[in-house]
């Protein structure tokens, strides 16, 4: 958990998150047993985010970067699986761009352009969480373009050049 001295900043940042995402989409999960434990904030899927996000604040926050993870609950094993958001979007981007040859204008590599690379101490959790929103939209566009390409190829027997011209306009 963050130091008790920094809790006023954390409370302000939680208020910013609640104002933006909605109070019912933010859940603070922590136990005040020890300052050294991590402080967790869950942001549930909403109109801005297509994923459940877990924000983990460590003892030295804001001097140590928070961790932003995407997570889901596996009902069969009763386990919560998490992955860092830029790792997920980097893997998804390389899958669609490299393996499936989907081109997207304005594509930003999540490994190189994630907000945690250039984080400043005064950056709020809200600003950092908007990075997930940006890459989520990019992921959805890549996925939609891939499935649209597959659909057009299966319904129409179009030549690849004509298909690429159509996909450029999408």
N, C-alpha and C. Protein backbone atom coordinates (compact mmCIF):
# COMPACT_ATOMS: atom_id res chain seq x y z
N UNK A 1 0.84 -1.17 0.00
CA UNK A 1 0.00 0.00 0.00
C UNK A 1 0.88 1.23 0.00
N UNK A 2 0.39 2.30 -0.52
CA UNK A 2 1.15 3.54 -0.55
C UNK A 2 1.33 4.06 0.87
N UNK A 3 2.28 4.90 1.04
CA UNK A 3 2.50 5.49 2.36
C UNK A 3 1.26 6.26 2.79
N UNK A 4 1.00 6.22 4.04
CA UNK A 4 -0.19 6.91 4.55
C UNK A 4 -0.10 8.41 4.31
N UNK A 5 1.10 8.96 4.21
CA UNK A 5 1.27 10.38 3.93
C UNK A 5 0.76 10.74 2.53
N UNK A 6 0.83 9.80 1.61
CA UNK A 6 0.44 10.06 0.23
C UNK A 6 -1.04 9.75 -0.03
N UNK A 7 -1.77 9.34 0.97
CA UNK A 7 -3.16 8.95 0.78
C UNK A 7 -4.04 10.10 0.31
N UNK A 8 -3.71 11.34 0.66
CA UNK A 8 -4.53 12.46 0.18
C UNK A 8 -4.43 12.58 -1.34
N UNK A 9 -3.23 12.36 -1.90
CA UNK A 9 -3.08 12.38 -3.35
C UNK A 9 -3.84 11.22 -3.99
N UNK A 10 -3.72 10.05 -3.39
CA UNK A 10 -4.40 8.87 -3.93
C UNK A 10 -5.91 9.07 -3.90
N UNK A 11 -6.42 9.62 -2.82
CA UNK A 11 -7.86 9.88 -2.73
C UNK A 11 -8.33 10.86 -3.79
N UNK A 12 -7.52 11.88 -4.09
CA UNK A 12 -7.87 12.83 -5.16
C UNK A 12 -7.87 12.13 -6.52
N UNK A 13 -6.90 11.25 -6.71
CA UNK A 13 -6.84 10.54 -7.99
C UNK A 13 -7.99 9.56 -8.13
N UNK A 14 -8.40 8.94 -7.05
CA UNK A 14 -9.55 8.04 -7.09
C UNK A 14 -10.81 8.85 -7.42
N UNK A 15 -10.91 10.05 -6.87
CA UNK A 15 -12.05 10.91 -7.17
C UNK A 15 -12.07 11.29 -8.65
N UNK A 16 -10.89 11.58 -9.23
CA UNK A 16 -10.82 11.87 -10.67
C UNK A 16 -11.28 10.66 -11.50
N UNK A 17 -10.84 9.47 -11.09
CA UNK A 17 -11.25 8.26 -11.80
C UNK A 17 -12.76 8.05 -11.69
N UNK A 18 -13.32 8.27 -10.52
CA UNK A 18 -14.76 8.11 -10.31
C UNK A 18 -15.55 9.12 -11.12
N UNK A 19 -15.06 10.36 -11.22
CA UNK A 19 -15.75 11.38 -12.01
C UNK A 19 -15.74 11.04 -13.49
N UNK A 20 -14.66 10.47 -13.98
CA UNK A 20 -14.54 10.17 -15.41
C UNK A 20 -15.25 8.86 -15.78
N UNK A 21 -14.97 7.79 -15.05
CA UNK A 21 -15.51 6.47 -15.40
C UNK A 21 -16.84 6.16 -14.73
N UNK A 22 -17.18 6.89 -13.71
CA UNK A 22 -18.41 6.61 -12.97
C UNK A 22 -18.08 5.94 -11.65
N UNK A 23 -18.76 6.37 -10.62
CA UNK A 23 -18.48 5.87 -9.27
C UNK A 23 -18.70 4.36 -9.16
N UNK A 24 -19.69 3.83 -9.88
CA UNK A 24 -19.99 2.40 -9.81
C UNK A 24 -18.98 1.54 -10.59
N UNK A 25 -18.11 2.16 -11.39
CA UNK A 25 -17.11 1.41 -12.15
C UNK A 25 -15.74 1.38 -11.48
N UNK A 26 -15.60 2.02 -10.33
CA UNK A 26 -14.34 2.07 -9.61
C UNK A 26 -14.51 1.35 -8.28
N UNK A 27 -13.56 0.47 -7.98
CA UNK A 27 -13.59 -0.23 -6.70
C UNK A 27 -12.17 -0.22 -6.13
N UNK A 28 -12.06 0.22 -4.89
CA UNK A 28 -10.77 0.25 -4.21
C UNK A 28 -10.69 -1.00 -3.36
N UNK A 29 -9.62 -1.76 -3.56
CA UNK A 29 -9.45 -3.01 -2.82
C UNK A 29 -8.12 -2.97 -2.10
N UNK A 30 -8.18 -2.78 -0.82
CA UNK A 30 -6.95 -2.78 -0.04
C UNK A 30 -7.27 -3.10 1.40
N UNK A 31 -6.24 -3.50 2.12
CA UNK A 31 -6.35 -3.78 3.54
C UNK A 31 -5.33 -2.90 4.23
N UNK A 32 -5.72 -2.19 5.26
CA UNK A 32 -4.83 -1.27 5.93
C UNK A 32 -4.01 -1.94 7.03
N UNK A 33 -3.57 -3.14 6.81
CA UNK A 33 -2.79 -3.85 7.82
C UNK A 33 -1.34 -3.37 7.85
N UNK A 34 -0.79 -3.11 6.68
CA UNK A 34 0.63 -2.79 6.61
C UNK A 34 0.84 -1.81 5.46
N UNK A 35 1.65 -0.79 5.67
CA UNK A 35 1.92 0.19 4.61
C UNK A 35 2.65 -0.43 3.43
N UNK A 36 3.34 -1.52 3.63
CA UNK A 36 4.13 -2.10 2.56
C UNK A 36 3.30 -2.91 1.57
N UNK A 37 2.05 -3.21 1.89
CA UNK A 37 1.20 -3.93 0.96
C UNK A 37 0.78 -3.02 -0.19
N UNK A 38 0.48 -3.62 -1.31
CA UNK A 38 0.07 -2.84 -2.46
C UNK A 38 -1.38 -2.37 -2.32
N UNK A 39 -1.68 -1.30 -3.01
CA UNK A 39 -2.99 -0.67 -2.99
C UNK A 39 -3.59 -0.93 -4.37
N UNK A 40 -4.74 -1.55 -4.45
CA UNK A 40 -5.32 -1.93 -5.74
C UNK A 40 -6.61 -1.17 -6.01
N UNK A 41 -6.75 -0.73 -7.25
CA UNK A 41 -7.95 -0.05 -7.72
C UNK A 41 -8.44 -0.81 -8.94
N UNK A 42 -9.67 -1.27 -8.91
CA UNK A 42 -10.25 -1.95 -10.07
C UNK A 42 -11.12 -0.97 -10.84
N UNK A 43 -10.93 -0.95 -12.15
CA UNK A 43 -11.77 -0.16 -13.05
C UNK A 43 -12.49 -1.17 -13.94
N UNK A 44 -13.81 -1.21 -13.83
CA UNK A 44 -14.58 -2.18 -14.59
C UNK A 44 -14.92 -1.66 -15.98
N UNK A 45 -15.25 -2.59 -16.88
CA UNK A 45 -15.63 -2.23 -18.24
C UNK A 45 -16.70 -1.16 -18.20
N UNK A 46 -16.57 -0.19 -19.10
CA UNK A 46 -17.55 0.89 -19.18
C UNK A 46 -17.56 1.45 -20.59
N UNK A 47 -18.15 2.62 -20.78
CA UNK A 47 -18.26 3.15 -22.13
C UNK A 47 -16.92 3.61 -22.68
N UNK A 48 -15.92 3.81 -21.82
CA UNK A 48 -14.60 4.23 -22.27
C UNK A 48 -13.63 3.06 -22.43
N UNK A 49 -13.75 2.07 -21.57
CA UNK A 49 -12.83 0.94 -21.57
C UNK A 49 -13.56 -0.34 -21.92
N UNK A 50 -12.94 -1.14 -22.76
CA UNK A 50 -13.52 -2.43 -23.14
C UNK A 50 -12.97 -3.57 -22.30
N UNK A 51 -12.17 -3.25 -21.32
CA UNK A 51 -11.50 -4.25 -20.51
C UNK A 51 -11.64 -3.90 -19.03
N UNK A 52 -11.54 -4.90 -18.18
CA UNK A 52 -11.40 -4.65 -16.75
C UNK A 52 -9.93 -4.34 -16.48
N UNK A 53 -9.68 -3.31 -15.71
CA UNK A 53 -8.32 -2.85 -15.46
C UNK A 53 -8.06 -2.85 -13.96
N UNK A 54 -6.90 -3.36 -13.58
CA UNK A 54 -6.47 -3.33 -12.19
C UNK A 54 -5.25 -2.40 -12.12
N UNK A 55 -5.35 -1.38 -11.28
CA UNK A 55 -4.26 -0.44 -11.05
C UNK A 55 -3.64 -0.81 -9.71
N UNK A 56 -2.36 -1.09 -9.70
CA UNK A 56 -1.67 -1.47 -8.47
C UNK A 56 -0.68 -0.37 -8.12
N UNK A 57 -0.87 0.20 -6.94
CA UNK A 57 0.03 1.24 -6.44
C UNK A 57 0.93 0.61 -5.39
N UNK A 58 2.21 0.82 -5.54
CA UNK A 58 3.18 0.24 -4.63
C UNK A 58 3.52 1.22 -3.52
N UNK A 59 4.30 0.75 -2.59
CA UNK A 59 4.65 1.51 -1.39
C UNK A 59 5.26 2.88 -1.73
N UNK A 60 6.08 2.94 -2.74
CA UNK A 60 6.79 4.18 -3.08
C UNK A 60 6.05 5.06 -4.08
N UNK A 61 4.78 4.80 -4.32
CA UNK A 61 4.03 5.65 -5.24
C UNK A 61 3.98 7.06 -4.68
N UNK A 62 4.18 8.08 -5.44
CA UNK A 62 4.27 8.23 -6.89
C UNK A 62 5.68 8.10 -7.46
N UNK A 63 6.66 7.76 -6.62
CA UNK A 63 8.03 7.67 -7.11
C UNK A 63 8.29 6.37 -7.85
N UNK A 64 7.46 5.40 -7.63
CA UNK A 64 7.52 4.14 -8.38
C UNK A 64 6.27 4.07 -9.25
N UNK A 65 6.45 3.63 -10.48
CA UNK A 65 5.34 3.57 -11.43
C UNK A 65 4.25 2.63 -10.94
N UNK A 66 2.99 3.01 -11.13
CA UNK A 66 1.92 2.06 -10.84
C UNK A 66 1.87 1.00 -11.93
N UNK A 67 1.29 -0.12 -11.63
CA UNK A 67 1.13 -1.18 -12.62
C UNK A 67 -0.32 -1.17 -13.11
N UNK A 68 -0.51 -1.14 -14.41
CA UNK A 68 -1.83 -1.22 -15.01
C UNK A 68 -1.94 -2.58 -15.68
N UNK A 69 -2.87 -3.39 -15.22
CA UNK A 69 -3.03 -4.74 -15.75
C UNK A 69 -4.46 -4.94 -16.23
N UNK A 70 -4.60 -5.70 -17.29
CA UNK A 70 -5.92 -6.16 -17.73
C UNK A 70 -6.15 -7.47 -17.02
N UNK A 71 -7.38 -7.72 -16.60
CA UNK A 71 -7.62 -8.96 -15.88
C UNK A 71 -8.99 -9.53 -16.22
N UNK A 72 -9.13 -10.82 -15.97
CA UNK A 72 -10.42 -11.49 -16.07
C UNK A 72 -10.45 -12.63 -15.06
N UNK A 73 -11.65 -12.99 -14.70
CA UNK A 73 -11.86 -14.05 -13.71
C UNK A 73 -12.15 -15.35 -14.44
N UNK A 74 -11.36 -16.38 -14.18
CA UNK A 74 -11.54 -17.69 -14.77
C UNK A 74 -12.42 -18.51 -13.82
N UNK A 75 -13.65 -18.76 -14.22
CA UNK A 75 -14.62 -19.44 -13.35
C UNK A 75 -14.26 -20.90 -13.11
N UNK A 76 -13.62 -21.53 -14.07
CA UNK A 76 -13.32 -22.95 -13.91
C UNK A 76 -12.24 -23.19 -12.85
N UNK A 77 -11.21 -22.32 -12.82
CA UNK A 77 -10.12 -22.49 -11.87
C UNK A 77 -10.24 -21.58 -10.65
N UNK A 78 -11.23 -20.69 -10.66
CA UNK A 78 -11.39 -19.68 -9.60
C UNK A 78 -10.11 -18.86 -9.41
N UNK A 79 -9.56 -18.41 -10.53
CA UNK A 79 -8.32 -17.63 -10.53
C UNK A 79 -8.54 -16.35 -11.33
N UNK A 80 -7.93 -15.27 -10.87
CA UNK A 80 -7.93 -14.03 -11.63
C UNK A 80 -6.62 -13.97 -12.41
N UNK A 81 -6.71 -13.90 -13.73
CA UNK A 81 -5.54 -13.81 -14.59
C UNK A 81 -5.29 -12.35 -14.94
N UNK A 82 -4.05 -11.92 -14.85
CA UNK A 82 -3.70 -10.54 -15.19
C UNK A 82 -2.55 -10.53 -16.18
N UNK A 83 -2.49 -9.45 -16.97
CA UNK A 83 -1.38 -9.21 -17.89
C UNK A 83 -1.21 -7.70 -17.98
N UNK A 84 0.04 -7.24 -18.04
CA UNK A 84 0.27 -5.81 -18.20
C UNK A 84 -0.32 -5.36 -19.52
N UNK A 85 -0.95 -4.19 -19.49
CA UNK A 85 -1.71 -3.76 -20.66
C UNK A 85 -0.85 -3.59 -21.89
N UNK A 86 0.37 -3.06 -21.78
CA UNK A 86 1.17 -2.87 -22.99
C UNK A 86 1.70 -4.19 -23.52
N UNK A 87 1.88 -5.21 -22.67
CA UNK A 87 2.26 -6.54 -23.16
C UNK A 87 1.13 -7.15 -23.98
N UNK A 88 -0.11 -7.03 -23.48
CA UNK A 88 -1.26 -7.56 -24.21
C UNK A 88 -1.42 -6.89 -25.56
N UNK A 89 -1.39 -5.54 -25.57
CA UNK A 89 -1.60 -4.82 -26.83
C UNK A 89 -0.42 -5.00 -27.79
N UNK A 90 0.79 -5.19 -27.26
CA UNK A 90 1.94 -5.46 -28.13
C UNK A 90 1.79 -6.83 -28.79
N UNK A 91 1.39 -7.84 -28.01
CA UNK A 91 1.17 -9.18 -28.58
C UNK A 91 0.05 -9.18 -29.60
N UNK A 92 -1.05 -8.49 -29.28
CA UNK A 92 -2.17 -8.42 -30.21
C UNK A 92 -1.79 -7.66 -31.47
N UNK A 93 -1.06 -6.56 -31.31
CA UNK A 93 -0.63 -5.78 -32.47
C UNK A 93 0.30 -6.56 -33.37
N UNK A 94 1.24 -7.29 -32.78
CA UNK A 94 2.15 -8.08 -33.61
C UNK A 94 1.42 -9.23 -34.28
N UNK A 95 0.42 -9.79 -33.62
CA UNK A 95 -0.37 -10.86 -34.23
C UNK A 95 -1.09 -10.36 -35.47
N UNK A 96 -1.82 -9.24 -35.33
CA UNK A 96 -2.60 -8.74 -36.46
C UNK A 96 -1.73 -8.09 -37.53
N UNK A 97 -0.73 -7.32 -37.13
CA UNK A 97 0.08 -6.59 -38.12
C UNK A 97 1.11 -7.48 -38.79
N UNK A 98 1.78 -8.31 -38.02
CA UNK A 98 2.87 -9.11 -38.57
C UNK A 98 2.37 -10.44 -39.15
N UNK A 99 1.62 -11.19 -38.36
CA UNK A 99 1.20 -12.52 -38.81
C UNK A 99 0.03 -12.48 -39.78
N UNK A 100 -0.90 -11.56 -39.56
CA UNK A 100 -2.10 -11.51 -40.40
C UNK A 100 -2.06 -10.41 -41.45
N UNK A 101 -0.98 -9.65 -41.51
CA UNK A 101 -0.76 -8.61 -42.52
C UNK A 101 -1.89 -7.59 -42.59
N UNK A 102 -2.36 -7.13 -41.45
CA UNK A 102 -3.37 -6.08 -41.41
C UNK A 102 -2.62 -4.77 -41.25
N UNK A 103 -2.85 -3.85 -42.18
CA UNK A 103 -2.18 -2.55 -42.07
C UNK A 103 -3.19 -1.53 -41.53
N UNK A 104 -2.70 -0.66 -40.67
CA UNK A 104 -3.56 0.34 -40.04
C UNK A 104 -2.82 1.66 -40.04
N UNK A 105 -3.42 2.68 -40.67
CA UNK A 105 -2.81 4.00 -40.66
C UNK A 105 -2.82 4.55 -39.25
N UNK A 106 -1.72 5.14 -38.84
CA UNK A 106 -1.63 5.71 -37.51
C UNK A 106 -1.41 4.69 -36.42
N UNK A 107 -0.95 3.50 -36.77
CA UNK A 107 -0.71 2.46 -35.77
C UNK A 107 0.46 2.87 -34.89
N UNK A 108 0.27 2.79 -33.58
CA UNK A 108 1.33 3.08 -32.61
C UNK A 108 1.71 1.79 -31.91
N UNK A 109 2.98 1.50 -31.89
CA UNK A 109 3.46 0.29 -31.22
C UNK A 109 3.31 0.48 -29.71
N UNK A 110 2.56 -0.40 -29.03
CA UNK A 110 2.37 -0.25 -27.58
C UNK A 110 3.66 -0.38 -26.78
N UNK A 111 4.65 -1.08 -27.32
CA UNK A 111 5.93 -1.21 -26.60
C UNK A 111 6.65 0.14 -26.53
N UNK A 112 6.54 0.90 -27.59
CA UNK A 112 7.31 2.13 -27.69
C UNK A 112 6.54 3.37 -27.25
N UNK A 113 5.24 3.36 -27.36
CA UNK A 113 4.45 4.57 -27.16
C UNK A 113 3.51 4.50 -25.97
N UNK A 114 3.73 3.62 -25.01
CA UNK A 114 2.83 3.59 -23.86
C UNK A 114 3.20 4.71 -22.89
N UNK A 115 2.22 5.16 -22.14
CA UNK A 115 2.36 6.34 -21.28
C UNK A 115 3.35 6.14 -20.14
N UNK A 116 3.57 4.91 -19.73
CA UNK A 116 4.48 4.67 -18.62
C UNK A 116 5.94 4.95 -19.00
N UNK A 117 6.25 4.95 -20.29
CA UNK A 117 7.63 5.25 -20.73
C UNK A 117 8.02 6.67 -20.35
N UNK A 118 7.11 7.58 -20.55
CA UNK A 118 7.40 8.99 -20.34
C UNK A 118 6.65 9.55 -19.14
N UNK A 119 6.36 8.73 -18.18
CA UNK A 119 5.58 9.16 -17.02
C UNK A 119 6.35 10.18 -16.20
N UNK A 120 5.62 11.21 -15.79
CA UNK A 120 6.15 12.22 -14.88
C UNK A 120 5.46 12.05 -13.54
N UNK A 121 6.02 12.57 -12.48
CA UNK A 121 5.45 12.42 -11.15
C UNK A 121 4.08 13.08 -11.03
N UNK A 122 3.84 14.11 -11.80
CA UNK A 122 2.55 14.80 -11.69
C UNK A 122 1.47 14.21 -12.59
N UNK A 123 1.77 13.16 -13.35
CA UNK A 123 0.75 12.49 -14.17
C UNK A 123 -0.22 11.75 -13.27
N UNK A 124 -1.50 11.98 -13.49
CA UNK A 124 -2.51 11.32 -12.66
C UNK A 124 -2.80 9.93 -13.21
N UNK A 125 -3.44 9.13 -12.38
CA UNK A 125 -3.84 7.79 -12.81
C UNK A 125 -4.85 7.87 -13.95
N UNK A 126 -5.67 8.93 -13.97
CA UNK A 126 -6.64 9.10 -15.04
C UNK A 126 -5.94 9.28 -16.39
N UNK A 127 -4.91 10.12 -16.42
CA UNK A 127 -4.16 10.32 -17.66
C UNK A 127 -3.51 9.02 -18.13
N UNK A 128 -2.98 8.28 -17.19
CA UNK A 128 -2.34 7.01 -17.54
C UNK A 128 -3.37 5.98 -17.98
N UNK A 129 -4.56 6.00 -17.40
CA UNK A 129 -5.58 5.03 -17.79
C UNK A 129 -6.15 5.34 -19.17
N UNK A 130 -6.07 6.58 -19.59
CA UNK A 130 -6.53 6.92 -20.94
C UNK A 130 -5.65 6.30 -22.01
N UNK A 131 -4.43 5.91 -21.64
CA UNK A 131 -3.54 5.21 -22.56
C UNK A 131 -4.12 3.84 -22.91
N UNK A 132 -4.71 3.19 -21.93
CA UNK A 132 -5.36 1.90 -22.18
C UNK A 132 -6.53 2.08 -23.13
N UNK A 133 -7.25 3.17 -22.96
CA UNK A 133 -8.38 3.48 -23.83
C UNK A 133 -7.89 3.67 -25.27
N UNK A 134 -6.77 4.38 -25.44
CA UNK A 134 -6.22 4.62 -26.78
C UNK A 134 -5.83 3.31 -27.46
N UNK A 135 -5.10 2.46 -26.73
CA UNK A 135 -4.67 1.20 -27.33
C UNK A 135 -5.83 0.23 -27.49
N UNK A 136 -6.85 0.34 -26.64
CA UNK A 136 -8.05 -0.50 -26.80
C UNK A 136 -8.77 -0.19 -28.09
N UNK A 137 -8.89 1.09 -28.42
CA UNK A 137 -9.52 1.49 -29.69
C UNK A 137 -8.69 1.00 -30.86
N UNK A 138 -7.38 1.12 -30.75
CA UNK A 138 -6.50 0.65 -31.82
C UNK A 138 -6.64 -0.86 -32.00
N UNK A 139 -6.71 -1.61 -30.90
CA UNK A 139 -6.88 -3.06 -30.95
C UNK A 139 -8.20 -3.43 -31.63
N UNK A 140 -9.28 -2.73 -31.26
CA UNK A 140 -10.59 -3.01 -31.86
C UNK A 140 -10.57 -2.72 -33.36
N UNK A 141 -9.90 -1.64 -33.76
CA UNK A 141 -9.81 -1.33 -35.19
C UNK A 141 -9.04 -2.40 -35.95
N UNK A 142 -7.93 -2.87 -35.37
CA UNK A 142 -7.16 -3.93 -36.02
C UNK A 142 -7.99 -5.20 -36.16
N UNK A 143 -8.68 -5.55 -35.09
CA UNK A 143 -9.48 -6.77 -35.10
C UNK A 143 -10.63 -6.67 -36.10
N UNK A 144 -11.30 -5.52 -36.11
CA UNK A 144 -12.41 -5.33 -37.05
C UNK A 144 -11.93 -5.37 -38.49
N UNK A 145 -10.79 -4.75 -38.75
CA UNK A 145 -10.26 -4.75 -40.12
C UNK A 145 -9.89 -6.16 -40.56
N UNK A 146 -9.33 -6.95 -39.65
CA UNK A 146 -8.96 -8.33 -39.97
C UNK A 146 -10.20 -9.16 -40.30
N UNK A 147 -11.22 -9.09 -39.44
CA UNK A 147 -12.42 -9.89 -39.68
C UNK A 147 -13.22 -9.39 -40.88
N UNK A 148 -13.19 -8.09 -41.15
CA UNK A 148 -13.84 -7.58 -42.34
C UNK A 148 -13.15 -8.10 -43.59
N UNK A 149 -11.83 -8.14 -43.55
CA UNK A 149 -11.07 -8.67 -44.68
C UNK A 149 -11.42 -10.14 -44.92
N UNK A 150 -11.49 -10.92 -43.84
CA UNK A 150 -11.86 -12.34 -43.98
C UNK A 150 -13.28 -12.48 -44.53
N UNK A 151 -14.20 -11.65 -44.06
CA UNK A 151 -15.59 -11.72 -44.52
C UNK A 151 -15.71 -11.36 -45.99
N UNK A 152 -15.05 -10.30 -46.40
CA UNK A 152 -15.11 -9.89 -47.81
C UNK A 152 -14.50 -10.96 -48.70
N UNK A 153 -13.40 -11.57 -48.26
CA UNK A 153 -12.79 -12.62 -49.06
C UNK A 153 -13.68 -13.85 -49.17
N UNK A 154 -14.42 -14.16 -48.12
CA UNK A 154 -15.26 -15.36 -48.17
C UNK A 154 -16.53 -15.14 -48.98
N UNK A 155 -17.09 -13.92 -48.95
CA UNK A 155 -18.34 -13.68 -49.67
C UNK A 155 -18.11 -13.29 -51.12
N UNK A 156 -17.07 -12.53 -51.37
CA UNK A 156 -16.76 -12.10 -52.73
C UNK A 156 -15.40 -12.64 -53.11
N UNK A 157 -15.30 -13.14 -54.26
CA UNK A 157 -14.01 -13.61 -54.73
C UNK A 157 -13.29 -12.44 -55.40
N UNK A 158 -12.79 -11.54 -54.56
CA UNK A 158 -12.10 -10.36 -55.07
C UNK A 158 -10.61 -10.60 -55.12
N UNK A 159 -10.02 -9.96 -56.04
CA UNK A 159 -8.58 -9.96 -56.19
C UNK A 159 -7.98 -9.21 -54.99
N UNK A 160 -6.79 -9.57 -54.54
CA UNK A 160 -6.16 -8.95 -53.37
C UNK A 160 -5.92 -7.46 -53.55
N UNK A 161 -5.64 -7.02 -54.79
CA UNK A 161 -5.42 -5.59 -55.02
C UNK A 161 -6.70 -4.80 -54.78
N UNK A 162 -7.81 -5.30 -55.28
CA UNK A 162 -9.10 -4.62 -55.08
C UNK A 162 -9.48 -4.66 -53.60
N UNK A 163 -9.23 -5.76 -52.94
CA UNK A 163 -9.53 -5.89 -51.51
C UNK A 163 -8.72 -4.89 -50.69
N UNK A 164 -7.44 -4.72 -51.04
CA UNK A 164 -6.60 -3.75 -50.31
C UNK A 164 -7.07 -2.33 -50.54
N UNK A 165 -7.54 -2.01 -51.74
CA UNK A 165 -8.07 -0.67 -52.02
C UNK A 165 -9.31 -0.41 -51.18
N UNK A 166 -10.17 -1.41 -51.06
CA UNK A 166 -11.38 -1.26 -50.22
C UNK A 166 -11.00 -1.08 -48.76
N UNK A 167 -10.05 -1.85 -48.29
CA UNK A 167 -9.65 -1.78 -46.88
C UNK A 167 -8.94 -0.47 -46.53
N UNK A 168 -8.31 0.17 -47.50
CA UNK A 168 -7.66 1.46 -47.24
C UNK A 168 -8.71 2.50 -46.85
N UNK A 169 -9.89 2.45 -47.46
CA UNK A 169 -10.92 3.42 -47.19
C UNK A 169 -11.67 3.15 -45.89
N UNK A 170 -11.44 2.00 -45.29
CA UNK A 170 -12.15 1.64 -44.05
C UNK A 170 -11.36 2.10 -42.86
